[in-house]
Protein backbone atom coordinates (compact mmCIF):
# COMPACT_ATOMS: atom_id res chain seq x y z
CA MET A 1 22.00 161.68 -142.56
CA ASN A 2 24.42 158.82 -141.87
CA LYS A 3 25.34 159.35 -138.15
CA ARG A 4 27.72 156.46 -138.15
CA LYS A 5 29.97 157.84 -140.55
CA ASN A 6 33.05 157.88 -138.61
CA SER A 7 32.21 154.35 -137.06
CA ASN A 8 32.25 150.84 -138.03
CA GLN A 9 29.22 150.10 -135.65
CA PRO A 10 26.05 148.75 -137.38
CA ALA A 11 22.99 150.80 -137.43
CA GLY A 12 20.53 149.86 -134.45
CA ASN A 13 23.41 148.40 -132.30
CA ILE A 14 22.96 148.50 -128.52
CA THR A 15 26.39 148.85 -126.97
CA THR A 16 26.70 147.59 -123.24
CA GLY A 17 29.49 148.15 -120.84
CA SER A 18 30.42 148.04 -117.10
CA CYS A 19 33.20 148.50 -114.38
CA ALA A 20 35.28 145.63 -113.27
CA CYS A 21 32.97 144.36 -110.55
CA GLY A 22 29.77 144.90 -112.62
CA ASN A 23 28.23 147.38 -109.85
CA VAL A 24 27.95 149.96 -112.61
CA ARG A 25 26.52 149.06 -115.78
CA PHE A 26 25.28 150.77 -118.68
CA GLN A 27 24.00 150.47 -122.32
CA ILE A 28 24.17 152.98 -125.09
CA THR A 29 21.46 152.72 -127.90
CA GLY A 30 23.00 155.38 -130.27
CA GLU A 31 26.13 156.23 -132.21
CA LEU A 32 29.62 156.14 -130.43
CA ARG A 33 32.48 158.32 -131.71
CA ASP A 34 35.45 156.17 -132.77
CA VAL A 35 38.33 156.09 -130.00
CA VAL A 36 40.64 159.10 -129.29
CA ASN A 37 43.58 158.52 -127.10
CA CYS A 38 44.14 161.54 -124.90
CA HIS A 39 47.74 161.88 -123.41
CA CYS A 40 46.85 165.04 -121.42
CA ASP A 41 48.43 164.97 -117.86
CA PRO A 42 45.03 164.65 -116.10
CA CYS A 43 43.80 161.99 -118.27
CA ARG A 44 47.12 159.99 -118.05
CA ARG A 45 47.21 160.20 -114.36
CA TRP A 46 43.50 159.43 -113.73
CA THR A 47 43.85 156.22 -115.99
CA GLY A 48 47.27 155.27 -115.06
CA HIS A 49 48.37 155.53 -118.89
CA PHE A 50 46.50 157.53 -121.40
CA MET A 51 42.52 157.77 -121.90
CA ALA A 52 41.35 155.70 -124.72
CA GLY A 53 38.06 157.23 -125.03
CA THR A 54 34.78 157.10 -127.21
CA SER A 55 31.84 159.39 -126.58
CA ALA A 56 27.92 159.03 -126.76
CA GLN A 57 24.90 161.20 -126.72
CA ILE A 58 23.50 161.58 -123.32
CA GLU A 59 20.20 160.81 -124.61
CA ASN A 60 21.37 157.49 -125.78
CA PHE A 61 22.99 156.55 -122.57
CA PHE A 62 21.25 154.36 -119.86
CA PHE A 63 22.43 153.16 -116.54
CA GLU A 64 21.22 149.48 -115.79
CA SER A 65 22.94 149.81 -112.23
CA ASP A 66 24.95 152.74 -110.90
CA SER A 67 25.01 152.35 -106.96
CA THR A 68 28.56 152.67 -106.80
CA LEU A 69 29.34 155.32 -109.44
CA THR A 70 31.21 158.14 -108.01
CA TRP A 71 32.17 161.61 -109.72
CA TRP A 72 35.43 163.21 -108.89
CA GLU A 73 35.13 167.00 -109.75
CA ARG A 74 38.50 167.75 -110.73
CA THR A 75 37.81 171.34 -111.90
CA LYS A 76 34.31 173.35 -112.00
CA GLU A 77 34.32 172.37 -115.65
CA VAL A 78 35.57 168.71 -115.73
CA LYS A 79 34.60 165.68 -113.69
CA TYR A 80 35.55 161.94 -113.96
CA GLY A 81 33.13 159.08 -113.15
CA PHE A 82 34.59 155.79 -111.49
CA CYS A 83 33.30 152.91 -109.39
CA SER A 84 33.93 153.29 -105.78
CA ASN A 85 34.11 149.58 -105.04
CA CYS A 86 36.61 148.23 -107.77
CA GLY A 87 38.10 151.79 -109.02
CA SER A 88 37.44 151.32 -112.52
CA SER A 89 37.89 154.60 -114.68
CA LEU A 90 34.67 154.93 -116.67
CA PHE A 91 33.55 158.38 -117.68
CA TRP A 92 34.63 161.94 -118.32
CA GLU A 93 32.26 164.99 -118.48
CA ASP A 94 32.65 168.69 -119.47
CA ARG A 95 30.00 171.15 -118.38
CA GLY A 96 30.58 172.93 -121.52
CA ARG A 97 29.41 169.65 -123.55
CA THR A 98 26.32 168.71 -121.66
CA GLU A 99 24.93 166.67 -124.57
CA SER A 100 27.74 164.00 -124.58
CA ARG A 101 29.63 161.85 -122.21
CA ALA A 102 33.09 160.47 -122.68
CA ILE A 103 33.32 156.71 -122.04
CA THR A 104 36.68 154.76 -121.46
CA ALA A 105 36.87 152.25 -124.17
CA GLY A 106 38.10 149.45 -122.17
CA VAL A 107 34.77 149.16 -120.20
CA LEU A 108 32.73 148.38 -123.15
CA ASP A 109 31.80 144.80 -124.00
CA PRO A 110 33.36 143.41 -127.19
CA PRO A 111 32.58 143.54 -130.01
CA THR A 112 32.58 147.48 -129.92
CA GLY A 113 32.98 147.97 -133.74
CA LEU A 114 35.09 151.05 -133.04
CA LYS A 115 38.63 151.89 -134.09
CA THR A 116 41.28 154.37 -132.73
CA VAL A 117 41.49 157.31 -134.99
CA LEU A 118 43.44 160.14 -133.09
CA ASN A 119 46.12 160.78 -130.54
CA ILE A 120 45.30 164.15 -128.92
CA PHE A 121 48.05 166.07 -126.48
CA SER A 122 50.65 163.76 -127.98
CA ASN A 123 53.51 166.09 -126.98
CA LEU A 124 52.39 165.20 -123.23
CA ALA A 125 52.47 161.50 -123.73
CA SER A 126 54.95 160.15 -120.94
CA ASP A 127 58.51 159.33 -121.81
CA TYR A 128 57.93 155.29 -121.66
CA HIS A 129 55.26 155.44 -124.31
CA HIS A 130 55.96 155.17 -127.97
CA LEU A 131 53.13 156.50 -129.86
CA ASP A 132 51.59 154.43 -132.66
CA GLU A 133 52.81 156.06 -136.05
CA GLU A 134 49.80 154.59 -137.61
CA ILE A 135 47.36 156.69 -135.60
CA LYS A 136 47.10 160.40 -136.54
CA THR A 137 48.47 162.61 -133.99
CA THR A 138 48.10 166.26 -132.66
CA SER A 139 49.84 167.99 -129.97
CA GLY A 140 46.44 169.77 -129.25
CA ASP A 141 42.94 168.96 -128.42
CA LEU A 142 39.97 167.60 -130.50
CA PRO A 143 39.03 169.73 -133.43
CA GLY A 144 36.21 172.39 -133.25
CA ASP A 145 33.30 172.01 -131.07
CA GLN A 146 34.60 168.59 -129.53
CA LYS A 147 37.36 170.82 -127.42
CA ALA A 148 37.26 170.70 -123.76
CA ASP A 149 38.57 172.61 -120.91
CA ARG A 150 41.42 170.59 -119.36
CA SER A 151 42.83 173.66 -117.31
CA ASN A 152 43.86 172.96 -113.93
């Protein structure tokens, strides 16, 4: 089974990333999902624009350093990880999807081999933002089992 069917990443690739100050560093040894842009209100406010996010299986995710990693629990189900030193928006987790972690794509060290494949909650994009017509768009959440609880 080719787990990389939705990604341009080479097999056996190790992906690394960090916050802006480098206090939170990590590596991923497995597959990354291609990038999905989330325009929901909480993601937009947390990132300052929209969340361009990928995701990885927790079992393939390893911290090299995480001394300033802080988690903000937005709801009982959803939490966001950021660096308390530089403020970088890093991760998103849903207690209903404990097997994976969403990662803001901008914190990954290039080349990533990823591509942006979907805009979700596009109806909630702010009025200053023009959606790229080349990217598939939906006014809803991710399909199927990738859905998450974004309720307040």
